[in-house]
């Protein structure tokens, strides 16, 4: 998480999404993680929010260009997500 937070702070994250075997592609726009826990209780004391850009060219967009492309390809062709790897390399 430290490396991801550093990349976010430096503006190096372009887009992020999650995908699974159900052929769903979900954009990620926020990651909240615990930076510090109470050593006695284990309860979260300090959080950090990483805001992930969606589409810098369209602030109303709910997904970035790569996320949209993957989702449209999967939905239009009903392909297995594993088979898509070759389409994007």
C-alpha atoms as a PDB file:
ATOM      1  CA  UNK A   1       0.000   0.000   0.000  1.00  0.00           C
ATOM      2  CA  UNK A   2       2.877   2.363   0.667  1.00  0.00           C
ATOM      3  CA  UNK A   3       4.022   2.144  -2.961  1.00  0.00           C
ATOM      4  CA  UNK A   4       0.470   2.697  -4.206  1.00  0.00           C
ATOM      5  CA  UNK A   5       0.077   5.727  -1.921  1.00  0.00           C
ATOM      6  CA  UNK A   6       3.372   7.159  -3.203  1.00  0.00           C
ATOM      7  CA  UNK A   7       2.281   6.645  -6.813  1.00  0.00           C
ATOM      8  CA  UNK A   8      -1.055   8.320  -6.054  1.00  0.00           C
ATOM      9  CA  UNK A   9       0.633  11.291  -4.356  1.00  0.00           C
ATOM     10  CA  UNK A  10       2.957  11.667  -7.357  1.00  0.00           C
ATOM     11  CA  UNK A  11       0.077  11.527  -9.842  1.00  0.00           C
ATOM     12  CA  UNK A  12       1.388   8.345 -11.480  1.00  0.00           C
ATOM     13  CA  UNK A  13      -1.866   6.397 -11.305  1.00  0.00           C
ATOM     14  CA  UNK A  14      -3.758   6.708 -14.565  1.00  0.00           C
ATOM     15  CA  UNK A  15      -6.663   4.357 -13.957  1.00  0.00           C
ATOM     16  CA  UNK A  16      -7.609   1.331 -11.875  1.00  0.00           C
ATOM     17  CA  UNK A  17     -10.220  -1.374 -12.166  1.00  0.00           C
ATOM     18  CA  UNK A  18     -11.124  -4.792 -10.859  1.00  0.00           C
ATOM     19  CA  UNK A  19     -12.253  -7.747 -12.929  1.00  0.00           C
ATOM     20  CA  UNK A  20     -13.321 -11.277 -12.192  1.00  0.00           C
ATOM     21  CA  UNK A  21     -14.510 -14.475 -13.755  1.00  0.00           C
ATOM     22  CA  UNK A  22     -18.067 -13.181 -14.139  1.00  0.00           C
ATOM     23  CA  UNK A  23     -16.853 -10.860 -16.933  1.00  0.00           C
ATOM     24  CA  UNK A  24     -17.502  -7.746 -14.898  1.00  0.00           C
ATOM     25  CA  UNK A  25     -15.141  -4.777 -15.061  1.00  0.00           C
ATOM     26  CA  UNK A  26     -15.560  -2.339 -12.174  1.00  0.00           C
ATOM     27  CA  UNK A  27     -13.773   1.011 -12.026  1.00  0.00           C
ATOM     28  CA  UNK A  28     -12.068   1.944  -8.764  1.00  0.00           C
ATOM     29  CA  UNK A  29     -12.235   5.581  -7.772  1.00  0.00           C
ATOM     30  CA  UNK A  30     -11.278   5.465  -4.089  1.00  0.00           C
ATOM     31  CA  UNK A  31      -9.153   3.261  -1.870  1.00  0.00           C
ATOM     32  CA  UNK A  32      -9.230   3.852   1.869  1.00  0.00           C
ATOM     33  CA  UNK A  33      -6.649   2.070   3.923  1.00  0.00           C
ATOM     34  CA  UNK A  34      -5.548   2.056   7.511  1.00  0.00           C
ATOM     35  CA  UNK A  35      -2.216   3.757   8.102  1.00  0.00           C
ATOM     36  CA  UNK A  36      -2.087   3.206  11.822  1.00  0.00           C
ATOM     37  CA  UNK A  37      -3.800   0.933  14.346  1.00  0.00           C
ATOM     38  CA  UNK A  38      -4.031   1.150  18.101  1.00  0.00           C
ATOM     39  CA  UNK A  39      -1.407  -1.352  19.312  1.00  0.00           C
ATOM     40  CA  UNK A  40      -3.596  -2.532  22.214  1.00  0.00           C
ATOM     41  CA  UNK A  41      -7.015  -2.823  20.577  1.00  0.00           C
ATOM     42  CA  UNK A  42      -6.068  -3.178  16.924  1.00  0.00           C
ATOM     43  CA  UNK A  43      -8.634  -0.509  16.118  1.00  0.00           C
ATOM     44  CA  UNK A  44      -7.919   1.804  13.177  1.00  0.00           C
ATOM     45  CA  UNK A  45      -6.577   5.184  14.278  1.00  0.00           C
ATOM     46  CA  UNK A  46      -5.519   6.852  11.034  1.00  0.00           C
ATOM     47  CA  UNK A  47      -6.726   6.393   7.445  1.00  0.00           C
ATOM     48  CA  UNK A  48      -5.523   7.553   4.060  1.00  0.00           C
ATOM     49  CA  UNK A  49      -7.813   7.987   1.072  1.00  0.00           C
ATOM     50  CA  UNK A  50      -6.325   7.436  -2.370  1.00  0.00           C
ATOM     51  CA  UNK A  51      -8.432   9.108  -5.033  1.00  0.00           C
ATOM     52  CA  UNK A  52      -8.040   7.195  -8.292  1.00  0.00           C
ATOM     53  CA  UNK A  53      -8.681   9.134 -11.509  1.00  0.00           C
ATOM     54  CA  UNK A  54     -11.463   7.825 -13.732  1.00  0.00           C
ATOM     55  CA  UNK A  55     -11.333   9.780 -16.992  1.00  0.00           C
ATOM     56  CA  UNK A  56      -9.292  13.010 -16.955  1.00  0.00           C
ATOM     57  CA  UNK A  57     -10.965  14.175 -20.196  1.00  0.00           C
ATOM     58  CA  UNK A  58     -14.509  13.788 -18.806  1.00  0.00           C
ATOM     59  CA  UNK A  59     -15.091  14.613 -15.141  1.00  0.00           C
ATOM     60  CA  UNK A  60     -18.637  13.144 -15.264  1.00  0.00           C
ATOM     61  CA  UNK A  61     -17.443   9.782 -16.533  1.00  0.00           C
ATOM     62  CA  UNK A  62     -17.873   6.800 -14.225  1.00  0.00           C
ATOM     63  CA  UNK A  63     -15.000   4.817 -15.794  1.00  0.00           C
ATOM     64  CA  UNK A  64     -11.711   5.463 -17.544  1.00  0.00           C
ATOM     65  CA  UNK A  65     -10.989   4.686 -21.199  1.00  0.00           C
ATOM     66  CA  UNK A  66      -9.278   1.340 -20.585  1.00  0.00           C
ATOM     67  CA  UNK A  67     -11.995   0.188 -18.192  1.00  0.00           C
ATOM     68  CA  UNK A  68     -14.651   1.116 -20.769  1.00  0.00           C
ATOM     69  CA  UNK A  69     -12.763  -0.629 -23.556  1.00  0.00           C
ATOM     70  CA  UNK A  70     -12.384  -3.842 -21.565  1.00  0.00           C
ATOM     71  CA  UNK A  71     -16.002  -3.819 -20.450  1.00  0.00           C
ATOM     72  CA  UNK A  72     -17.336  -3.148 -23.956  1.00  0.00           C
ATOM     73  CA  UNK A  73     -15.143  -5.882 -25.448  1.00  0.00           C
ATOM     74  CA  UNK A  74     -16.242  -8.430 -22.877  1.00  0.00           C
ATOM     75  CA  UNK A  75     -19.920  -7.550 -23.178  1.00  0.00           C
ATOM     76  CA  UNK A  76     -19.989  -7.341 -26.968  1.00  0.00           C
ATOM     77  CA  UNK A  77     -18.105 -10.548 -27.647  1.00  0.00           C
ATOM     78  CA  UNK A  78     -19.005 -12.500 -24.512  1.00  0.00           C
ATOM     79  CA  UNK A  79     -15.359 -13.521 -24.220  1.00  0.00           C
ATOM     80  CA  UNK A  80     -13.697 -15.178 -21.284  1.00  0.00           C
ATOM     81  CA  UNK A  81     -11.681 -12.417 -19.485  1.00  0.00           C
ATOM     82  CA  UNK A  82      -8.552 -14.608 -19.554  1.00  0.00           C
ATOM     83  CA  UNK A  83      -8.750 -14.738 -23.359  1.00  0.00           C
ATOM     84  CA  UNK A  84      -8.736 -10.938 -23.484  1.00  0.00           C
ATOM     85  CA  UNK A  85      -5.124 -10.698 -22.369  1.00  0.00           C
ATOM     86  CA  UNK A  86      -3.956 -11.255 -25.929  1.00  0.00           C
ATOM     87  CA  UNK A  87      -6.221  -8.452 -27.203  1.00  0.00           C
ATOM     88  CA  UNK A  88      -4.488  -5.788 -25.134  1.00  0.00           C
ATOM     89  CA  UNK A  89      -0.820  -6.771 -25.522  1.00  0.00           C
END
